[in-house]
Amino acid sequence: MTKISSAIYWISIYLAIVFAPLFVLLLGPVPPGSGFWWDFSMALGFTAIAMMGVQFILTARFRRVVTPFGIDIVYFFHRYLGVMALTFIVVHYLIIRINRAEVLGALNPLQAPWYMTLGRLAFLLFATIIITSLWRKRLKIHYDEWRMLHIGLSTMGFILALGHIEGVSYYIDAPVKHALWISYIIFWLLLIVYVRLVKPWQMHNRPYRVVEVQQECNNCCTLVLEPIHHKGINFNPGQFAWLTLRASPFHIKEHPFSISSSAAQQGKVAFTIKALGDFTRTIKDTQVGETAYLDGPYGVFSTDCYPAAPGFVFIAGGIGAAPIMSMLRTMADRHEQRPLLFIYANDSWDNVIFKEELDTLKTRLNLNLVHVLKEPAPGWNGESGFVTPELLQKVLLKEAQEYEYFLCGPKPMSNAVQQGLHNLKVPLGRVHFELFDMV
């Protein structure tokens, strides 16, 4: 199955799951005298709860589901589907409020029907999830605290919404419809159990040990892990994994990091991490012998996805070189001979991570290395400033339009480079980057 056909397949599965409850409701007789707007409101409500249920699938990291898109795209999709589902719930409520306000009952939970209270509580929880997700940094919510809040509120809100629908019993009062709806609920609840209990248990049974802690320049640190009594993960160069340190995987205190080691040397796995946030600032204090857990690998940001490419261009800024190093190290171990260009931007020469190893890789690969320094020291003879369209035009060969491009760095740099490549007529399909902003 090709990547495109696989993507179409999983999108079709998504649409089938979302709209399945509507088809269940249409089986047999429907309640008479409801009217278009009432039925439309009910359809929005059922669609919204189905979308909320599918959200658990999108965050379960099923490899077959995420591979055609890349998990960053799936998480991007997950975020805005949540906004769309909440919008459907709001419209669902407003239509009823305008069309048949009497069925809503009193706002006071002591006087309102219990199932209406459940619905209102579910809405408040879903709204809190969306607000804290979209504006987490502005609200200054710690990432770990937000994740626990997100998981707890989404699970409780979903269960309350199911209770609301079950209590109303509108459209599902027929025995066959009720049985099908209960089956749907069981499927969703089993999915929650898998994501929150089974998967962490699997990680718990495949631990890793920290065997090296290497201090790098520019506030960076490389952790080297080895599997304990198992073979470890098989990954493609450029992929990433969720890392859990100093906590059980059941605590869900995991963070995504790119793998920086060679995929040709399976067993040990390395992550080069820069101190940018509360968690990453503690990486340097990690002790050899500590236990770690991994969930991965994930991602399609890899040269292995393009085996027929005539060459590759890598453009990175600072710690964005980590997945690029995984690809370069792997290609060196595989004795790769295709032409490679690496444009590496940093503030100063002292901040260039991997600079000695990059010089060594130039002797093992057909690699053209271009350093770009924002603040070069006196006497610097290389490129300076930023990675601009003019610089790209200067260093890119004509045949490089046929190469595959990999971008990894700060968002402003990535956006500028994408625009520069577009101006140089590099096809959009040959430019690859990831959308994560998880810190």
Protein backbone atom coordinates (compact mmCIF):
# COMPACT_ATOMS: atom_id res chain seq x y z
CA MET A 1 0.00 0.00 0.00
CA THR A 2 1.46 3.37 -1.02
CA LYS A 3 1.73 6.29 1.38
CA ILE A 4 -1.12 8.15 -0.36
CA SER A 5 -3.44 5.15 -0.49
CA SER A 6 -2.65 4.38 3.15
CA ALA A 7 -3.49 7.97 4.10
CA ILE A 8 -6.80 7.77 2.21
CA TYR A 9 -7.56 4.47 3.93
CA TRP A 10 -7.08 5.86 7.44
CA ILE A 11 -8.98 9.06 6.68
CA SER A 12 -11.87 6.86 5.48
CA ILE A 13 -11.69 4.88 8.72
CA TYR A 14 -11.80 8.13 10.69
CA LEU A 15 -14.87 9.38 8.83
CA ALA A 16 -16.58 6.00 9.26
CA ILE A 17 -16.02 6.04 13.04
CA VAL A 18 -17.21 9.65 13.35
CA PHE A 19 -20.38 9.19 11.33
CA ALA A 20 -21.21 5.63 12.43
CA PRO A 21 -23.39 6.83 15.34
CA LEU A 22 -25.54 8.84 12.90
CA PHE A 23 -26.21 5.77 10.79
CA VAL A 24 -27.04 3.81 13.93
CA LEU A 25 -29.60 6.45 14.87
CA LEU A 26 -31.24 6.27 11.45
CA LEU A 27 -31.88 2.55 11.74
CA GLY A 28 -35.58 1.85 12.15
CA PRO A 29 -38.11 4.52 13.17
CA VAL A 30 -37.02 7.95 14.37
CA PRO A 31 -38.91 10.08 16.91
CA PRO A 32 -41.77 11.91 15.14
CA GLY A 33 -42.35 15.65 15.09
CA SER A 34 -38.82 16.67 15.93
CA GLY A 35 -38.20 18.99 12.96
CA PHE A 36 -35.08 19.77 10.95
CA TRP A 37 -33.32 21.99 13.47
CA TRP A 38 -33.87 19.59 16.31
CA ASP A 39 -32.55 16.67 14.26
CA PHE A 40 -29.63 18.78 13.07
CA SER A 41 -28.77 19.67 16.66
CA MET A 42 -28.82 15.99 17.65
CA ALA A 43 -26.60 15.12 14.68
CA LEU A 44 -24.07 17.75 15.77
CA GLY A 45 -24.09 16.39 19.32
CA PHE A 46 -23.52 12.78 18.26
CA THR A 47 -20.84 13.81 15.77
CA ALA A 48 -19.04 15.85 18.44
CA ILE A 49 -18.95 12.97 20.93
CA ALA A 50 -17.71 10.61 18.20
CA MET A 51 -14.94 13.09 17.34
CA MET A 52 -13.99 13.33 21.01
CA GLY A 53 -13.81 9.54 21.17
CA VAL A 54 -11.55 9.39 18.13
CA GLN A 55 -9.22 11.87 19.83
CA PHE A 56 -8.08 9.00 22.05
CA ILE A 57 -7.14 7.03 18.92
CA LEU A 58 -5.12 9.95 17.56
CA THR A 59 -3.09 10.22 20.79
CA ALA A 60 -2.62 6.44 21.15
CA ARG A 61 0.31 6.60 18.65
CA PHE A 62 -0.72 3.55 16.66
CA ARG A 63 2.15 3.29 14.19
CA ARG A 64 0.03 2.15 11.26
CA VAL A 65 -2.22 5.15 11.74
CA VAL A 66 0.47 7.82 12.11
CA THR A 67 3.04 6.56 9.56
CA PRO A 68 1.32 7.90 6.39
CA PHE A 69 1.07 11.40 7.87
CA GLY A 70 3.78 11.79 10.48
CA ILE A 71 2.82 12.01 14.13
CA ASP A 72 3.36 15.78 14.16
CA ILE A 73 0.60 16.17 11.55
CA VAL A 74 -1.63 13.78 13.52
CA TYR A 75 -1.16 15.86 16.69
CA PHE A 76 -1.80 19.06 14.74
CA PHE A 77 -4.98 17.41 13.41
CA HIS A 78 -5.88 16.31 16.95
CA ARG A 79 -5.69 19.88 18.27
CA TYR A 80 -7.96 21.44 15.69
CA LEU A 81 -10.42 18.56 15.68
CA GLY A 82 -10.89 19.28 19.37
CA VAL A 83 -11.73 22.90 18.55
CA MET A 84 -14.15 21.75 15.84
CA ALA A 85 -15.87 19.25 18.16
CA LEU A 86 -16.30 21.92 20.85
CA THR A 87 -17.81 24.23 18.22
CA PHE A 88 -20.31 21.51 17.29
CA ILE A 89 -21.27 21.17 20.96
CA VAL A 90 -21.81 24.92 21.28
CA VAL A 91 -24.01 25.01 18.16
CA HIS A 92 -25.85 21.89 19.41
CA TYR A 93 -26.72 23.76 22.62
CA LEU A 94 -27.60 27.06 20.93
CA ILE A 95 -30.05 25.42 18.52
CA ILE A 96 -31.86 23.75 21.41
CA ARG A 97 -31.83 26.96 23.43
CA ILE A 98 -33.42 28.86 20.54
CA ASN A 99 -35.69 26.10 19.24
CA ARG A 100 -36.92 24.29 22.36
CA ALA A 101 -35.47 25.90 25.47
CA GLU A 102 -37.92 24.13 27.78
CA VAL A 103 -36.19 20.75 27.35
CA LEU A 104 -32.97 22.10 28.86
CA GLY A 105 -34.53 22.35 32.30
CA ALA A 106 -33.25 24.53 35.13
CA LEU A 107 -29.61 25.62 35.24
CA ASN A 108 -29.47 24.79 38.96
CA PRO A 109 -28.07 21.24 39.16
CA LEU A 110 -30.28 20.56 42.18
CA GLN A 111 -33.37 21.19 40.03
CA ALA A 112 -32.20 20.13 36.54
CA PRO A 113 -32.40 16.52 35.26
CA TRP A 114 -29.17 14.68 36.12
CA TYR A 115 -28.35 13.99 32.49
CA MET A 116 -28.57 17.69 31.62
CA THR A 117 -26.18 18.48 34.45
CA LEU A 118 -23.78 15.85 33.10
CA GLY A 119 -23.94 17.46 29.67
CA ARG A 120 -23.19 20.91 31.06
CA LEU A 121 -20.28 19.60 33.13
CA ALA A 122 -18.89 17.79 30.08
CA PHE A 123 -19.03 21.01 28.08
CA LEU A 124 -17.18 22.93 30.80
CA LEU A 125 -14.47 20.27 30.93
CA PHE A 126 -14.07 20.22 27.13
CA ALA A 127 -13.89 24.03 27.05
CA THR A 128 -11.22 23.98 29.76
CA ILE A 129 -9.22 21.45 27.74
CA ILE A 130 -9.30 23.63 24.62
CA ILE A 131 -8.43 26.84 26.46
CA THR A 132 -5.51 25.32 28.38
CA SER A 133 -4.21 23.59 25.24
CA LEU A 134 -4.27 26.59 22.92
CA TRP A 135 -2.96 29.08 25.50
CA ARG A 136 -0.88 26.86 27.80
CA LYS A 137 2.25 28.99 27.56
CA ARG A 138 0.38 32.25 28.07
CA LEU A 139 -1.31 30.75 31.12
CA LYS A 140 2.14 29.59 32.32
CA ILE A 141 1.04 26.01 32.88
CA HIS A 142 3.93 23.57 33.20
CA TYR A 143 3.96 20.96 30.42
CA ASP A 144 3.78 17.96 32.79
CA GLU A 145 0.95 19.53 34.78
CA TRP A 146 -0.91 20.36 31.56
CA ARG A 147 -0.60 16.80 30.29
CA MET A 148 -2.05 15.34 33.48
CA LEU A 149 -4.83 17.96 33.43
CA HIS A 150 -5.51 17.26 29.75
CA ILE A 151 -5.72 13.50 30.26
CA GLY A 152 -7.88 13.71 33.38
CA LEU A 153 -10.31 16.29 32.03
CA SER A 154 -10.67 14.63 28.61
CA THR A 155 -11.39 11.21 30.12
CA MET A 156 -13.88 12.57 32.66
CA GLY A 157 -15.54 14.89 30.13
CA PHE A 158 -15.97 12.06 27.66
CA ILE A 159 -17.54 9.77 30.26
CA LEU A 160 -19.89 12.55 31.40
CA ALA A 161 -20.90 13.20 27.78
CA LEU A 162 -21.69 9.52 27.31
CA GLY A 163 -23.80 9.63 30.47
CA HIS A 164 -25.64 12.69 29.11
CA ILE A 165 -26.52 10.90 25.85
CA GLU A 166 -27.53 7.73 27.69
CA GLY A 167 -29.75 9.73 30.07
CA VAL A 168 -31.49 11.68 27.32
CA SER A 169 -32.08 8.41 25.41
CA TYR A 170 -33.31 10.37 22.40
CA TYR A 171 -32.86 8.31 19.21
CA ILE A 172 -31.31 5.37 21.11
CA ASP A 173 -34.36 4.08 22.98
CA ALA A 174 -35.03 1.23 20.52
CA PRO A 175 -33.39 -2.05 21.72
CA VAL A 176 -31.23 -2.55 18.61
CA LYS A 177 -30.07 1.05 18.58
CA HIS A 178 -29.35 0.94 22.28
CA ALA A 179 -27.30 -2.24 21.91
CA LEU A 180 -25.25 -0.73 19.09
CA TRP A 181 -24.70 2.46 21.06
CA ILE A 182 -23.56 0.49 24.12
CA SER A 183 -21.13 -1.41 21.88
CA TYR A 184 -19.74 1.89 20.67
CA ILE A 185 -19.32 3.09 24.26
CA ILE A 186 -17.50 -0.13 25.22
CA PHE A 187 -15.13 0.35 22.26
CA TRP A 188 -14.28 3.88 23.40
CA LEU A 189 -13.78 2.86 27.03
CA LEU A 190 -11.52 -0.05 26.03
CA LEU A 191 -9.50 2.39 23.95
CA ILE A 192 -9.03 4.63 27.00
CA VAL A 193 -7.91 1.60 29.03
CA TYR A 194 -5.35 0.71 26.34
CA VAL A 195 -3.93 4.22 26.06
CA ARG A 196 -3.76 4.94 29.80
CA LEU A 197 -3.02 1.48 31.25
CA VAL A 198 -1.94 -1.16 28.71
CA LYS A 199 0.55 0.95 26.78
CA PRO A 200 2.31 2.31 29.91
CA TRP A 201 2.50 -1.28 31.19
CA GLN A 202 4.23 -2.34 27.96
CA MET A 203 6.75 0.49 28.39
CA HIS A 204 7.28 -0.48 32.03
CA ASN A 205 8.26 -3.98 30.92
CA ARG A 206 10.87 -2.63 28.46
CA PRO A 207 13.10 -0.35 30.57
CA TYR A 208 16.39 1.30 29.60
CA ARG A 209 19.46 2.20 31.62
CA VAL A 210 21.41 5.45 31.29
CA VAL A 211 24.99 4.41 30.45
CA GLU A 212 26.52 7.76 29.43
CA VAL A 213 25.85 11.42 30.14
CA GLN A 214 27.94 13.56 27.79
CA GLN A 215 28.11 17.32 28.36
CA GLU A 216 28.05 19.20 25.05
CA CYS A 217 28.52 22.89 24.32
CA ASN A 218 25.70 25.45 24.19
CA ASN A 219 23.85 24.03 27.24
CA CYS A 220 23.33 20.68 25.53
CA CYS A 221 23.70 17.17 26.88
CA THR A 222 23.72 13.74 25.22
CA LEU A 223 22.09 10.83 27.02
CA VAL A 224 23.05 7.32 25.90
CA LEU A 225 20.63 4.55 26.89
CA GLU A 226 20.86 0.79 26.59
CA PRO A 227 17.95 -1.66 26.82
CA ILE A 228 17.60 -3.82 29.92
CA HIS A 229 16.90 -7.47 29.02
CA HIS A 230 15.39 -6.67 25.61
CA LYS A 231 16.65 -5.78 22.14
CA GLY A 232 15.67 -2.11 22.20
CA ILE A 233 14.00 -0.19 19.40
CA ASN A 234 14.68 -0.35 15.69
CA PHE A 235 14.51 3.16 14.29
CA ASN A 236 15.11 5.04 11.08
CA PRO A 237 17.63 7.90 11.17
CA GLY A 238 15.87 11.18 12.01
CA GLN A 239 13.04 9.63 14.02
CA PHE A 240 12.21 10.54 17.61
CA ALA A 241 10.84 8.91 20.75
CA TRP A 242 9.08 9.94 23.95
CA LEU A 243 11.48 9.76 26.88
CA THR A 244 10.48 9.20 30.51
CA LEU A 245 13.09 9.83 33.21
CA ARG A 246 12.82 9.65 37.00
CA ALA A 247 9.18 8.57 36.80
CA SER A 248 7.00 5.60 36.00
CA PRO A 249 5.42 5.53 32.51
CA PHE A 250 2.06 5.45 34.30
CA HIS A 251 2.74 9.00 35.51
CA ILE A 252 2.78 10.16 31.86
CA LYS A 253 5.74 12.50 32.38
CA GLU A 254 7.20 11.88 28.95
CA HIS A 255 8.84 14.28 26.50
CA PRO A 256 9.58 13.89 22.78
CA PHE A 257 13.21 14.10 21.63
CA SER A 258 14.95 13.35 18.35
CA ILE A 259 17.33 10.41 18.32
CA SER A 260 20.85 11.57 17.47
CA SER A 261 22.64 8.20 17.23
CA SER A 262 23.19 6.05 14.15
CA ALA A 263 20.37 3.72 13.12
CA ALA A 264 23.03 1.34 11.77
CA GLN A 265 24.22 0.63 15.31
CA GLN A 266 21.19 -0.87 17.00
CA GLY A 267 21.00 -1.46 20.73
CA LYS A 268 22.12 1.73 22.42
CA VAL A 269 20.20 4.89 21.57
CA ALA A 270 21.31 8.49 22.13
CA PHE A 271 19.42 11.77 22.54
CA THR A 272 21.12 15.16 22.36
CA ILE A 273 18.99 17.64 24.31
CA LYS A 274 19.29 21.37 24.92
CA ALA A 275 18.27 22.98 28.22
CA LEU A 276 15.25 25.01 27.10
CA GLY A 277 12.56 24.25 29.68
CA ASP A 278 11.91 22.94 33.19
CA PHE A 279 12.50 19.31 32.26
CA THR A 280 15.35 19.76 29.79
CA ARG A 281 17.29 21.86 32.30
CA THR A 282 17.48 18.76 34.56
CA ILE A 283 18.97 16.49 31.88
CA LYS A 284 22.54 17.46 32.82
CA ASP A 285 21.90 16.14 36.35
CA THR A 286 20.97 12.67 35.11
CA GLN A 287 23.10 9.96 36.72
CA VAL A 288 24.57 6.91 35.02
CA GLY A 289 22.51 3.90 36.04
CA GLU A 290 19.16 5.70 36.18
CA THR A 291 16.19 3.92 34.62
CA ALA A 292 14.45 5.39 31.60
CA TYR A 293 11.53 4.40 29.40
CA LEU A 294 10.97 4.98 25.69
CA ASP A 295 7.90 5.07 23.50
CA GLY A 296 8.94 5.03 19.88
CA PRO A 297 10.24 5.36 17.33
CA TYR A 298 7.96 7.80 15.51
CA GLY A 299 8.18 10.24 12.64
CA VAL A 300 8.73 10.29 8.88
CA PHE A 301 11.51 12.90 9.02
CA SER A 302 14.06 10.47 7.67
CA THR A 303 16.29 9.94 4.63
CA ASP A 304 15.19 6.30 4.69
CA CYS A 305 11.80 7.44 3.41
CA TYR A 306 13.44 8.53 0.12
CA PRO A 307 15.75 5.71 -1.00
CA ALA A 308 15.73 6.87 -4.65
CA ALA A 309 16.76 10.48 -3.93
CA PRO A 310 19.85 11.54 -5.91
CA GLY A 311 21.09 13.57 -2.92
CA PHE A 312 20.09 15.36 0.25
CA VAL A 313 20.25 18.90 1.64
CA PHE A 314 20.11 19.41 5.40
CA ILE A 315 19.44 22.82 6.96
CA ALA A 316 19.50 23.10 10.74
CA GLY A 317 19.82 25.66 13.49
CA GLY A 318 21.41 24.88 16.86
CA ILE A 319 20.03 21.75 18.51
CA GLY A 320 18.04 21.12 15.30
CA ALA A 321 21.16 19.28 14.18
CA ALA A 322 20.31 16.30 16.43
CA PRO A 323 18.13 14.37 13.92
CA ILE A 324 20.44 15.49 11.09
CA MET A 325 23.38 13.91 12.96
CA SER A 326 21.44 10.67 13.21
CA MET A 327 21.01 10.68 9.43
CA LEU A 328 24.65 11.62 8.73
CA ARG A 329 26.02 9.08 11.19
CA THR A 330 23.82 6.37 9.71
CA MET A 331 24.84 7.20 6.14
CA ALA A 332 28.50 7.14 7.16
CA ASP A 333 28.07 3.72 8.74
CA ARG A 334 26.34 2.54 5.55
CA HIS A 335 29.14 3.96 3.36
CA GLU A 336 26.76 6.33 1.57
CA GLN A 337 28.22 8.03 -1.53
CA ARG A 338 25.38 10.31 -2.68
CA PRO A 339 26.08 14.07 -2.54
CA LEU A 340 25.09 15.76 0.73
CA LEU A 341 24.94 19.41 1.73
CA PHE A 342 24.58 20.49 5.35
CA ILE A 343 23.88 24.18 6.07
CA TYR A 344 24.30 24.60 9.82
CA ALA A 345 23.35 27.91 11.49
CA ASN A 346 24.48 28.95 14.98
CA ASP A 347 25.02 32.12 16.99
CA SER A 348 28.77 31.68 17.32
CA TRP A 349 31.52 29.13 16.69
CA ASP A 350 31.63 28.20 20.37
CA ASN A 351 27.94 27.20 20.15
CA VAL A 352 28.38 24.76 17.26
CA ILE A 353 27.46 21.31 18.54
CA PHE A 354 29.19 18.28 16.95
CA LYS A 355 31.72 20.50 15.11
CA GLU A 356 34.66 18.07 15.52
CA GLU A 357 32.58 15.06 14.48
CA LEU A 358 31.20 16.93 11.48
CA ASP A 359 34.75 17.45 10.25
CA THR A 360 35.33 13.71 10.60
CA LEU A 361 32.10 12.92 8.76
CA LYS A 362 33.32 15.03 5.83
CA THR A 363 36.08 12.46 5.34
CA ARG A 364 33.62 9.56 5.37
CA LEU A 365 30.86 11.09 3.24
CA ASN A 366 30.44 13.12 0.07
CA LEU A 367 29.49 16.00 2.37
CA ASN A 368 29.69 19.73 1.75
CA LEU A 369 29.45 21.48 5.12
CA VAL A 370 28.47 25.18 5.30
CA HIS A 371 28.58 26.87 8.71
CA VAL A 372 26.56 30.08 9.10
CA LEU A 373 27.33 32.18 12.19
CA LYS A 374 25.11 34.97 13.39
CA GLU A 375 27.89 36.57 15.44
CA PRO A 376 31.21 35.46 13.92
CA ALA A 377 34.50 36.26 15.60
CA PRO A 378 36.99 38.57 13.86
CA GLY A 379 38.75 36.76 11.06
CA TRP A 380 35.85 34.38 10.30
CA ASN A 381 35.99 33.45 6.62
CA GLY A 382 32.75 31.48 6.40
CA GLU A 383 29.14 32.53 5.95
CA SER A 384 27.62 34.94 8.44
CA GLY A 385 24.22 36.32 9.33
CA PHE A 386 21.16 34.21 8.63
CA VAL A 387 20.17 31.49 6.18
CA THR A 388 18.68 33.78 3.55
CA PRO A 389 17.39 33.10 0.02
CA GLU A 390 20.57 34.76 -1.25
CA LEU A 391 22.74 32.37 0.75
CA LEU A 392 20.71 29.39 -0.46
CA GLN A 393 21.08 30.51 -4.06
CA LYS A 394 24.83 30.86 -3.49
CA VAL A 395 25.48 27.41 -2.02
CA LEU A 396 22.88 25.25 -3.80
CA LEU A 397 23.93 23.62 -7.02
CA LYS A 398 21.53 23.57 -9.96
CA GLU A 399 20.97 19.81 -9.65
CA ALA A 400 20.04 20.27 -5.98
CA GLN A 401 16.44 20.96 -7.03
CA GLU A 402 16.13 17.20 -7.43
CA TYR A 403 17.42 16.55 -3.91
CA GLU A 404 15.33 15.96 -0.79
CA TYR A 405 15.48 18.79 1.79
CA PHE A 406 15.34 18.34 5.57
CA LEU A 407 14.79 21.41 7.78
CA CYS A 408 15.07 21.40 11.56
CA GLY A 409 15.46 24.50 13.69
CA PRO A 410 13.64 27.43 15.28
CA LYS A 411 10.28 28.17 13.69
CA PRO A 412 11.30 31.62 12.30
CA MET A 413 14.33 30.07 10.59
CA SER A 414 12.29 27.17 9.22
CA ASN A 415 9.66 29.53 7.82
CA ALA A 416 12.29 31.75 6.19
CA VAL A 417 14.08 28.78 4.64
CA GLN A 418 10.84 27.34 3.31
CA GLN A 419 10.08 30.67 1.64
CA GLY A 420 13.60 30.84 0.25
CA LEU A 421 13.36 27.35 -1.22
CA HIS A 422 9.99 28.22 -2.72
CA ASN A 423 11.55 31.26 -4.39
CA LEU A 424 14.24 28.97 -5.81
CA LYS A 425 11.53 26.74 -7.34
CA VAL A 426 12.27 23.76 -5.10
CA PRO A 427 9.11 21.59 -5.21
CA LEU A 428 7.14 21.67 -1.95
CA GLY A 429 7.00 17.87 -1.89
CA ARG A 430 10.80 17.73 -1.55
CA VAL A 431 10.92 19.91 1.58
CA HIS A 432 10.49 18.03 4.87
CA PHE A 433 10.15 19.35 8.41
CA GLU A 434 8.26 18.59 11.59
CA LEU A 435 5.73 20.75 13.39
CA PHE A 436 6.43 19.93 17.03
CA ASP A 437 6.35 22.73 19.57
CA MET A 438 6.08 20.71 22.76
CA VAL A 439 8.32 22.55 25.23
